[in-house]
Amino acid sequence: MRKIILDFGAVSTPEEVQQYLAMKFDFPDYYGCNLDALYDELTSMDIDTCAGFFVPEEKHSLDTYLKTVGRVMMDAEEENPHFSVIFGDLEQNFER
């Protein structure tokens, strides 16, 4: 199983979030860098992959966007048996 740790401490814009995700997941060059493209890539994975999703408390400026990214990942997890996500905020793991 491939394990990916996502620590969003070094990003400060939605564009940087998308670039970070593309790099961490090794998405292809044609990755669209948006939420629809993220969902498409995560649901098409055929290698067992677990992503740890960690957001530092000081990332308030990205709070809404990162919650949406997390929701996309939860939706992809339901669709793709090869993908799972675990959140650093334990309560998020039970919001499904």
PDB file of N, CA and C in Angstrom:
ATOM      1  N   MET A   1       0.845  -1.180   0.000  1.00  0.00           N
ATOM      2  CA  MET A   1       0.000   0.000   0.000  1.00  0.00           C
ATOM      3  C   MET A   1       0.892   1.246   0.000  1.00  0.00           C
ATOM      4  N   ARG A   2       0.502   2.191  -0.807  1.00  0.00           N
ATOM      5  CA  ARG A   2       1.189   3.475  -0.858  1.00  0.00           C
ATOM      6  C   ARG A   2       0.598   4.370   0.227  1.00  0.00           C
ATOM      7  N   LYS A   3       1.462   5.019   1.015  1.00  0.00           N
ATOM      8  CA  LYS A   3       1.028   5.913   2.085  1.00  0.00           C
ATOM      9  C   LYS A   3       1.533   7.309   1.775  1.00  0.00           C
ATOM     10  N   ILE A   4       0.628   8.272   1.820  1.00  0.00           N
ATOM     11  CA  ILE A   4       0.971   9.654   1.493  1.00  0.00           C
ATOM     12  C   ILE A   4       0.563  10.532   2.667  1.00  0.00           C
ATOM     13  N   ILE A   5       1.504  11.306   3.172  1.00  0.00           N
ATOM     14  CA  ILE A   5       1.227  12.258   4.245  1.00  0.00           C
ATOM     15  C   ILE A   5       1.038  13.631   3.616  1.00  0.00           C
ATOM     16  N   LEU A   6      -0.114  14.223   3.847  1.00  0.00           N
ATOM     17  CA  LEU A   6      -0.421  15.563   3.340  1.00  0.00           C
ATOM     18  C   LEU A   6      -0.410  16.532   4.516  1.00  0.00           C
ATOM     19  N   ASP A   7       0.622  17.358   4.575  1.00  0.00           N
ATOM     20  CA  ASP A   7       0.763  18.367   5.625  1.00  0.00           C
ATOM     21  C   ASP A   7       0.665  19.721   4.942  1.00  0.00           C
ATOM     22  N   PHE A   8      -0.448  20.385   5.137  1.00  0.00           N
ATOM     23  CA  PHE A   8      -0.733  21.613   4.409  1.00  0.00           C
ATOM     24  C   PHE A   8      -0.121  22.857   5.059  1.00  0.00           C
ATOM     25  N   GLY A   9       0.906  22.684   5.882  1.00  0.00           N
ATOM     26  CA  GLY A   9       1.543  23.796   6.555  1.00  0.00           C
ATOM     27  C   GLY A   9       2.322  24.723   5.642  1.00  0.00           C
ATOM     28  N   ALA A  10       2.753  24.246   4.486  1.00  0.00           N
ATOM     29  CA  ALA A  10       3.609  25.058   3.611  1.00  0.00           C
ATOM     30  C   ALA A  10       2.859  25.714   2.460  1.00  0.00           C
ATOM     31  N   VAL A  11       1.538  25.608   2.435  1.00  0.00           N
ATOM     32  CA  VAL A  11       0.767  26.192   1.338  1.00  0.00           C
ATOM     33  C   VAL A  11      -0.093  27.332   1.856  1.00  0.00           C
ATOM     34  N   SER A  12      -0.364  28.312   0.992  1.00  0.00           N
ATOM     35  CA  SER A  12      -1.151  29.453   1.461  1.00  0.00           C
ATOM     36  C   SER A  12      -2.229  29.905   0.481  1.00  0.00           C
ATOM     37  N   THR A  13      -2.342  29.244  -0.673  1.00  0.00           N
ATOM     38  CA  THR A  13      -3.393  29.574  -1.624  1.00  0.00           C
ATOM     39  C   THR A  13      -3.995  28.274  -2.174  1.00  0.00           C
ATOM     40  N   PRO A  14      -5.213  28.334  -2.696  1.00  0.00           N
ATOM     41  CA  PRO A  14      -5.781  27.135  -3.324  1.00  0.00           C
ATOM     42  C   PRO A  14      -4.906  26.597  -4.468  1.00  0.00           C
ATOM     43  N   GLU A  15      -4.279  27.481  -5.208  1.00  0.00           N
ATOM     44  CA  GLU A  15      -3.404  27.050  -6.303  1.00  0.00           C
ATOM     45  C   GLU A  15      -2.224  26.244  -5.763  1.00  0.00           C
ATOM     46  N   GLU A  16      -1.645  26.713  -4.657  1.00  0.00           N
ATOM     47  CA  GLU A  16      -0.534  25.981  -4.042  1.00  0.00           C
ATOM     48  C   GLU A  16      -0.999  24.637  -3.490  1.00  0.00           C
ATOM     49  N   VAL A  17      -2.217  24.585  -2.963  1.00  0.00           N
ATOM     50  CA  VAL A  17      -2.780  23.316  -2.488  1.00  0.00           C
ATOM     51  C   VAL A  17      -2.829  22.326  -3.645  1.00  0.00           C
ATOM     52  N   GLN A  18      -3.346  22.770  -4.778  1.00  0.00           N
ATOM     53  CA  GLN A  18      -3.470  21.877  -5.939  1.00  0.00           C
ATOM     54  C   GLN A  18      -2.101  21.420  -6.448  1.00  0.00           C
ATOM     55  N   GLN A  19      -1.140  22.326  -6.489  1.00  0.00           N
ATOM     56  CA  GLN A  19       0.216  21.957  -6.922  1.00  0.00           C
ATOM     57  C   GLN A  19       0.836  20.949  -5.947  1.00  0.00           C
ATOM     58  N   TYR A  20       0.604  21.160  -4.662  1.00  0.00           N
ATOM     59  CA  TYR A  20       1.107  20.260  -3.631  1.00  0.00           C
ATOM     60  C   TYR A  20       0.486  18.869  -3.790  1.00  0.00           C
ATOM     61  N   LEU A  21      -0.835  18.815  -3.984  1.00  0.00           N
ATOM     62  CA  LEU A  21      -1.504  17.531  -4.181  1.00  0.00           C
ATOM     63  C   LEU A  21      -0.971  16.812  -5.416  1.00  0.00           C
ATOM     64  N   ALA A  22      -0.789  17.550  -6.498  1.00  0.00           N
ATOM     65  CA  ALA A  22      -0.266  16.957  -7.731  1.00  0.00           C
ATOM     66  C   ALA A  22       1.109  16.342  -7.500  1.00  0.00           C
ATOM     67  N   MET A  23       1.952  17.053  -6.736  1.00  0.00           N
ATOM     68  CA  MET A  23       3.289  16.552  -6.461  1.00  0.00           C
ATOM     69  C   MET A  23       3.247  15.332  -5.539  1.00  0.00           C
ATOM     70  N   LYS A  24       2.475  15.412  -4.456  1.00  0.00           N
ATOM     71  CA  LYS A  24       2.441  14.321  -3.478  1.00  0.00           C
ATOM     72  C   LYS A  24       1.838  13.039  -4.055  1.00  0.00           C
ATOM     73  N   PHE A  25       0.796  13.170  -4.874  1.00  0.00           N
ATOM     74  CA  PHE A  25       0.158  11.995  -5.462  1.00  0.00           C
ATOM     75  C   PHE A  25       0.798  11.581  -6.782  1.00  0.00           C
ATOM     76  N   ASP A  26       1.742  12.391  -7.256  1.00  0.00           N
ATOM     77  CA  ASP A  26       2.399  12.123  -8.539  1.00  0.00           C
ATOM     78  C   ASP A  26       1.380  12.051  -9.674  1.00  0.00           C
ATOM     79  N   PHE A  27       0.491  13.053  -9.703  1.00  0.00           N
ATOM     80  CA  PHE A  27      -0.505  13.130 -10.758  1.00  0.00           C
ATOM     81  C   PHE A  27       0.178  13.435 -12.088  1.00  0.00           C
ATOM     82  N   PRO A  28      -0.436  13.049 -13.199  1.00  0.00           N
ATOM     83  CA  PRO A  28       0.163  13.307 -14.518  1.00  0.00           C
ATOM     84  C   PRO A  28       0.226  14.804 -14.831  1.00  0.00           C
ATOM     85  N   ASP A  29       1.060  15.159 -15.785  1.00  0.00           N
ATOM     86  CA  ASP A  29       1.260  16.563 -16.167  1.00  0.00           C
ATOM     87  C   ASP A  29      -0.042  17.238 -16.600  1.00  0.00           C
ATOM     88  N   TYR A  30      -0.978  16.472 -17.123  1.00  0.00           N
ATOM     89  CA  TYR A  30      -2.228  17.061 -17.602  1.00  0.00           C
ATOM     90  C   TYR A  30      -3.254  17.285 -16.480  1.00  0.00           C
ATOM     91  N   TYR A  31      -2.871  17.020 -15.228  1.00  0.00           N
ATOM     92  CA  TYR A  31      -3.778  17.222 -14.094  1.00  0.00           C
ATOM     93  C   TYR A  31      -4.308  18.649 -14.125  1.00  0.00           C
ATOM     94  N   GLY A  32      -5.620  18.812 -14.004  1.00  0.00           N
ATOM     95  CA  GLY A  32      -6.278  20.101 -14.170  1.00  0.00           C
ATOM     96  C   GLY A  32      -6.183  21.067 -13.007  1.00  0.00           C
ATOM     97  N   CYS A  33      -5.611  20.644 -11.885  1.00  0.00           N
ATOM     98  CA  CYS A  33      -5.423  21.515 -10.717  1.00  0.00           C
ATOM     99  C   CYS A  33      -6.719  22.174 -10.246  1.00  0.00           C
ATOM    100  N   ASN A  34      -7.774  21.373 -10.132  1.00  0.00           N
ATOM    101  CA  ASN A  34      -9.040  21.853  -9.583  1.00  0.00           C
ATOM    102  C   ASN A  34      -9.714  20.683  -8.864  1.00  0.00           C
ATOM    103  N   LEU A  35     -10.803  20.959  -8.190  1.00  0.00           N
ATOM    104  CA  LEU A  35     -11.448  19.934  -7.375  1.00  0.00           C
ATOM    105  C   LEU A  35     -12.040  18.798  -8.195  1.00  0.00           C
ATOM    106  N   ASP A  36     -12.576  19.100  -9.362  1.00  0.00           N
ATOM    107  CA  ASP A  36     -13.111  18.037 -10.236  1.00  0.00           C
ATOM    108  C   ASP A  36     -11.991  17.116 -10.701  1.00  0.00           C
ATOM    109  N   ALA A  37     -10.865  17.699 -11.075  1.00  0.00           N
ATOM    110  CA  ALA A  37      -9.721  16.897 -11.523  1.00  0.00           C
ATOM    111  C   ALA A  37      -9.179  16.054 -10.371  1.00  0.00           C
ATOM    112  N   LEU A  38      -9.175  16.614  -9.168  1.00  0.00           N
ATOM    113  CA  LEU A  38      -8.729  15.857  -7.985  1.00  0.00           C
ATOM    114  C   LEU A  38      -9.609  14.625  -7.802  1.00  0.00           C
ATOM    115  N   TYR A  39     -10.913  14.817  -7.842  1.00  0.00           N
ATOM    116  CA  TYR A  39     -11.838  13.695  -7.697  1.00  0.00           C
ATOM    117  C   TYR A  39     -11.585  12.645  -8.786  1.00  0.00           C
ATOM    118  N   ASP A  40     -11.435  13.096 -10.016  1.00  0.00           N
ATOM    119  CA  ASP A  40     -11.193  12.165 -11.127  1.00  0.00           C
ATOM    120  C   ASP A  40      -9.932  11.346 -10.906  1.00  0.00           C
ATOM    121  N   GLU A  41      -8.852  11.991 -10.474  1.00  0.00           N
ATOM    122  CA  GLU A  41      -7.595  11.276 -10.255  1.00  0.00           C
ATOM    123  C   GLU A  41      -7.716  10.285  -9.098  1.00  0.00           C
ATOM    124  N   LEU A  42      -8.338  10.713  -8.006  1.00  0.00           N
ATOM    125  CA  LEU A  42      -8.457   9.832  -6.840  1.00  0.00           C
ATOM    126  C   LEU A  42      -9.360   8.635  -7.110  1.00  0.00           C
ATOM    127  N   THR A  43     -10.404   8.836  -7.887  1.00  0.00           N
ATOM    128  CA  THR A  43     -11.313   7.720  -8.163  1.00  0.00           C
ATOM    129  C   THR A  43     -10.780   6.790  -9.249  1.00  0.00           C
ATOM    130  N   SER A  44      -9.761   7.210  -9.976  1.00  0.00           N
ATOM    131  CA  SER A  44      -9.205   6.337 -11.010  1.00  0.00           C
ATOM    132  C   SER A  44      -7.947   5.588 -10.554  1.00  0.00           C
ATOM    133  N   MET A  45      -7.511   5.808  -9.326  1.00  0.00           N
ATOM    134  CA  MET A  45      -6.334   5.091  -8.806  1.00  0.00           C
ATOM    135  C   MET A  45      -6.613   3.605  -8.762  1.00  0.00           C
ATOM    136  N   ASP A  46      -5.616   2.823  -9.165  1.00  0.00           N
ATOM    137  CA  ASP A  46      -5.767   1.379  -9.066  1.00  0.00           C
ATOM    138  C   ASP A  46      -4.690   0.753  -8.185  1.00  0.00           C
ATOM    139  N   ILE A  47      -3.945   1.595  -7.477  1.00  0.00           N
ATOM    140  CA  ILE A  47      -2.956   1.150  -6.495  1.00  0.00           C
ATOM    141  C   ILE A  47      -3.502   1.528  -5.118  1.00  0.00           C
ATOM    142  N   ASP A  48      -3.523   0.578  -4.187  1.00  0.00           N
ATOM    143  CA  ASP A  48      -4.011   0.875  -2.847  1.00  0.00           C
ATOM    144  C   ASP A  48      -3.214   2.042  -2.262  1.00  0.00           C
ATOM    145  N   THR A  49      -3.931   3.091  -1.873  1.00  0.00           N
ATOM    146  CA  THR A  49      -3.303   4.320  -1.392  1.00  0.00           C
ATOM    147  C   THR A  49      -4.062   4.836  -0.183  1.00  0.00           C
ATOM    148  N   CYS A  50      -3.311   5.177   0.854  1.00  0.00           N
ATOM    149  CA  CYS A  50      -3.889   5.798   2.046  1.00  0.00           C
ATOM    150  C   CYS A  50      -3.249   7.169   2.209  1.00  0.00           C
ATOM    151  N   ALA A  51      -4.076   8.209   2.352  1.00  0.00           N
ATOM    152  CA  ALA A  51      -3.584   9.569   2.523  1.00  0.00           C
ATOM    153  C   ALA A  51      -3.909  10.052   3.928  1.00  0.00           C
ATOM    154  N   GLY A  52      -2.896  10.569   4.617  1.00  0.00           N
ATOM    155  CA  GLY A  52      -3.087  11.228   5.905  1.00  0.00           C
ATOM    156  C   GLY A  52      -3.222  12.724   5.654  1.00  0.00           C
ATOM    157  N   PHE A  53      -4.277  13.331   6.149  1.00  0.00           N
ATOM    158  CA  PHE A  53      -4.647  14.716   5.837  1.00  0.00           C
ATOM    159  C   PHE A  53      -4.482  15.557   7.104  1.00  0.00           C
ATOM    160  N   PHE A  54      -3.437  16.411   7.136  1.00  0.00           N
ATOM    161  CA  PHE A  54      -3.117  17.188   8.326  1.00  0.00           C
ATOM    162  C   PHE A  54      -3.104  18.675   8.002  1.00  0.00           C
ATOM    163  N   VAL A  55      -3.889  19.441   8.768  1.00  0.00           N
ATOM    164  CA  VAL A  55      -3.979  20.889   8.574  1.00  0.00           C
ATOM    165  C   VAL A  55      -3.548  21.577   9.864  1.00  0.00           C
ATOM    166  N   PRO A  56      -2.492  22.384   9.815  1.00  0.00           N
ATOM    167  CA  PRO A  56      -2.100  23.129  11.022  1.00  0.00           C
ATOM    168  C   PRO A  56      -3.201  24.108  11.441  1.00  0.00           C
ATOM    169  N   GLU A  57      -3.307  24.374  12.721  1.00  0.00           N
ATOM    170  CA  GLU A  57      -4.355  25.262  13.227  1.00  0.00           C
ATOM    171  C   GLU A  57      -4.262  26.665  12.665  1.00  0.00           C
ATOM    172  N   GLU A  58      -3.076  27.113  12.306  1.00  0.00           N
ATOM    173  CA  GLU A  58      -2.913  28.495  11.831  1.00  0.00           C
ATOM    174  C   GLU A  58      -3.304  28.688  10.365  1.00  0.00           C
ATOM    175  N   LYS A  59      -3.873  27.722   9.726  1.00  0.00           N
ATOM    176  CA  LYS A  59      -4.242  27.827   8.311  1.00  0.00           C
ATOM    177  C   LYS A  59      -5.682  28.317   8.131  1.00  0.00           C
ATOM    178  N   HIS A  60      -6.096  29.292   8.899  1.00  0.00           N
ATOM    179  CA  HIS A  60      -7.472  29.781   8.835  1.00  0.00           C
ATOM    180  C   HIS A  60      -7.836  30.353   7.463  1.00  0.00           C
ATOM    181  N   SER A  61      -6.880  30.935   6.758  1.00  0.00           N
ATOM    182  CA  SER A  61      -7.188  31.530   5.453  1.00  0.00           C
ATOM    183  C   SER A  61      -7.594  30.473   4.433  1.00  0.00           C
ATOM    184  N   LEU A  62      -7.168  29.238   4.629  1.00  0.00           N
ATOM    185  CA  LEU A  62      -7.497  28.146   3.701  1.00  0.00           C
ATOM    186  C   LEU A  62      -8.539  27.193   4.274  1.00  0.00           C
ATOM    187  N   ASP A  63      -9.088  27.512   5.413  1.00  0.00           N
ATOM    188  CA  ASP A  63      -9.969  26.593   6.121  1.00  0.00           C
ATOM    189  C   ASP A  63     -11.101  26.073   5.241  1.00  0.00           C
ATOM    190  N   THR A  64     -11.820  26.951   4.593  1.00  0.00           N
ATOM    191  CA  THR A  64     -12.956  26.541   3.758  1.00  0.00           C
ATOM    192  C   THR A  64     -12.495  25.685   2.592  1.00  0.00           C
ATOM    193  N   TYR A  65     -11.422  26.104   1.931  1.00  0.00           N
ATOM    194  CA  TYR A  65     -10.944  25.351   0.769  1.00  0.00           C
ATOM    195  C   TYR A  65     -10.446  23.960   1.186  1.00  0.00           C
ATOM    196  N   LEU A  66      -9.696  23.889   2.272  1.00  0.00           N
ATOM    197  CA  LEU A  66      -9.180  22.590   2.701  1.00  0.00           C
ATOM    198  C   LEU A  66     -10.301  21.672   3.184  1.00  0.00           C
ATOM    199  N   LYS A  67     -11.346  22.228   3.768  1.00  0.00           N
ATOM    200  CA  LYS A  67     -12.501  21.391   4.120  1.00  0.00           C
ATOM    201  C   LYS A  67     -13.147  20.818   2.866  1.00  0.00           C
ATOM    202  N   THR A  68     -13.193  21.611   1.808  1.00  0.00           N
ATOM    203  CA  THR A  68     -13.751  21.132   0.544  1.00  0.00           C
ATOM    204  C   THR A  68     -12.856  20.048  -0.057  1.00  0.00           C
ATOM    205  N   VAL A  69     -11.552  20.247  -0.010  1.00  0.00           N
ATOM    206  CA  VAL A  69     -10.613  19.219  -0.486  1.00  0.00           C
ATOM    207  C   VAL A  69     -10.829  17.929   0.305  1.00  0.00           C
ATOM    208  N   GLY A  70     -10.976  18.051   1.609  1.00  0.00           N
ATOM    209  CA  GLY A  70     -11.230  16.872   2.441  1.00  0.00           C
ATOM    210  C   GLY A  70     -12.522  16.178   2.066  1.00  0.00           C
ATOM    211  N   ARG A  71     -13.559  16.948   1.772  1.00  0.00           N
ATOM    212  CA  ARG A  71     -14.839  16.369   1.355  1.00  0.00           C
ATOM    213  C   ARG A  71     -14.686  15.627   0.024  1.00  0.00           C
ATOM    214  N   VAL A  72     -13.934  16.209  -0.903  1.00  0.00           N
ATOM    215  CA  VAL A  72     -13.675  15.540  -2.185  1.00  0.00           C
ATOM    216  C   VAL A  72     -12.960  14.212  -1.936  1.00  0.00           C
ATOM    217  N   MET A  73     -12.008  14.219  -1.024  1.00  0.00           N
ATOM    218  CA  MET A  73     -11.281  12.979  -0.720  1.00  0.00           C
ATOM    219  C   MET A  73     -12.195  11.941  -0.088  1.00  0.00           C
ATOM    220  N   MET A  74     -13.105  12.370   0.795  1.00  0.00           N
ATOM    221  CA  MET A  74     -14.051  11.419   1.387  1.00  0.00           C
ATOM    222  C   MET A  74     -14.986  10.844   0.323  1.00  0.00           C
ATOM    223  N   ASP A  75     -15.429  11.690  -0.604  1.00  0.00           N
ATOM    224  CA  ASP A  75     -16.286  11.211  -1.692  1.00  0.00           C
ATOM    225  C   ASP A  75     -15.535  10.216  -2.570  1.00  0.00           C
ATOM    226  N   ALA A  76     -14.275  10.513  -2.855  1.00  0.00           N
ATOM    227  CA  ALA A  76     -13.464   9.605  -3.678  1.00  0.00           C
ATOM    228  C   ALA A  76     -13.244   8.281  -2.957  1.00  0.00           C
ATOM    229  N   GLU A  77     -13.072   8.344  -1.652  1.00  0.00           N
ATOM    230  CA  GLU A  77     -12.882   7.131  -0.863  1.00  0.00           C
ATOM    231  C   GLU A  77     -14.104   6.218  -0.964  1.00  0.00           C
ATOM    232  N   GLU A  78     -15.282   6.802  -0.963  1.00  0.00           N
ATOM    233  CA  GLU A  78     -16.504   6.007  -1.087  1.00  0.00           C
ATOM    234  C   GLU A  78     -16.629   5.362  -2.465  1.00  0.00           C
ATOM    235  N   GLU A  79     -16.092   6.023  -3.472  1.00  0.00           N
ATOM    236  CA  GLU A  79     -16.189   5.534  -4.851  1.00  0.00           C
ATOM    237  C   GLU A  79     -15.097   4.522  -5.208  1.00  0.00           C
ATOM    238  N   ASN A  80     -13.905   4.708  -4.647  1.00  0.00           N
ATOM    239  CA  ASN A  80     -12.755   3.903  -5.059  1.00  0.00           C
ATOM    240  C   ASN A  80     -12.252   3.036  -3.901  1.00  0.00           C
ATOM    241  N   PRO A  81     -12.371   1.715  -4.001  1.00  0.00           N
ATOM    242  CA  PRO A  81     -11.903   0.843  -2.923  1.00  0.00           C
ATOM    243  C   PRO A  81     -10.382   0.848  -2.752  1.00  0.00           C
ATOM    244  N   HIS A  82      -9.650   1.439  -3.695  1.00  0.00           N
ATOM    245  CA  HIS A  82      -8.191   1.496  -3.610  1.00  0.00           C
ATOM    246  C   HIS A  82      -7.695   2.759  -2.904  1.00  0.00           C
ATOM    247  N   PHE A  83      -8.601   3.645  -2.510  1.00  0.00           N
ATOM    248  CA  PHE A  83      -8.194   4.906  -1.894  1.00  0.00           C
ATOM    249  C   PHE A  83      -8.853   5.074  -0.528  1.00  0.00           C
ATOM    250  N   SER A  84      -8.052   5.504   0.456  1.00  0.00           N
ATOM    251  CA  SER A  84      -8.607   5.836   1.768  1.00  0.00           C
ATOM    252  C   SER A  84      -7.911   7.088   2.288  1.00  0.00           C
ATOM    253  N   VAL A  85      -8.614   7.809   3.150  1.00  0.00           N
ATOM    254  CA  VAL A  85      -8.089   9.042   3.736  1.00  0.00           C
ATOM    255  C   VAL A  85      -8.321   9.013   5.237  1.00  0.00           C
ATOM    256  N   ILE A  86      -7.312   9.467   5.973  1.00  0.00           N
ATOM    257  CA  ILE A  86      -7.399   9.572   7.426  1.00  0.00           C
ATOM    258  C   ILE A  86      -7.040  11.004   7.789  1.00  0.00           C
ATOM    259  N   PHE A  87      -7.887  11.628   8.598  1.00  0.00           N
ATOM    260  CA  PHE A  87      -7.695  13.028   8.957  1.00  0.00           C
ATOM    261  C   PHE A  87      -7.004  13.162  10.306  1.00  0.00           C
ATOM    262  N   GLY A  88      -6.119  14.158  10.404  1.00  0.00           N
ATOM    263  CA  GLY A  88      -5.457  14.452  11.669  1.00  0.00           C
ATOM    264  C   GLY A  88      -6.441  14.937  12.717  1.00  0.00           C
ATOM    265  N   ASP A  89      -7.478  15.642  12.294  1.00  0.00           N
ATOM    266  CA  ASP A  89      -8.561  16.049  13.185  1.00  0.00           C
ATOM    267  C   ASP A  89      -9.480  14.833  13.326  1.00  0.00           C
ATOM    268  N   LEU A  90      -9.383  14.147  14.451  1.00  0.00           N
ATOM    269  CA  LEU A  90     -10.060  12.860  14.615  1.00  0.00           C
ATOM    270  C   LEU A  90     -11.553  12.914  14.346  1.00  0.00           C
ATOM    271  N   GLU A  91     -12.207  14.000  14.687  1.00  0.00           N
ATOM    272  CA  GLU A  91     -13.650  14.097  14.478  1.00  0.00           C
ATOM    273  C   GLU A  91     -14.024  13.990  13.005  1.00  0.00           C
ATOM    274  N   GLN A  92     -13.158  14.484  12.129  1.00  0.00           N
ATOM    275  CA  GLN A  92     -13.455  14.419  10.686  1.00  0.00           C
ATOM    276  C   GLN A  92     -13.550  12.982  10.188  1.00  0.00           C
ATOM    277  N   ASN A  93     -12.883  12.055  10.849  1.00  0.00           N
ATOM    278  CA  ASN A  93     -12.910  10.676  10.416  1.00  0.00           C
ATOM    279  C   ASN A  93     -14.277  10.020  10.612  1.00  0.00           C
ATOM    280  N   PHE A  94     -15.140  10.672  11.360  1.00  0.00           N
ATOM    281  CA  PHE A  94     -16.459  10.117  11.650  1.00  0.00           C
ATOM    282  C   PHE A  94     -17.581  10.922  11.031  1.00  0.00           C
ATOM    283  N   GLU A  95     -17.268  11.884  10.173  1.00  0.00           N
ATOM    284  CA  GLU A  95     -18.275  12.740   9.550  1.00  0.00           C
ATOM    285  C   GLU A  95     -18.785  12.184   8.236  1.00  0.00           C
ATOM    286  N   ARG A  96     -18.671  10.935   8.017  1.00  0.00           N
ATOM    287  CA  ARG A  96     -19.031  10.366   6.726  1.00  0.00           C
ATOM    288  C   ARG A  96     -20.448   9.947   6.668  1.00  0.00           C
TER     289      ARG A  96
END
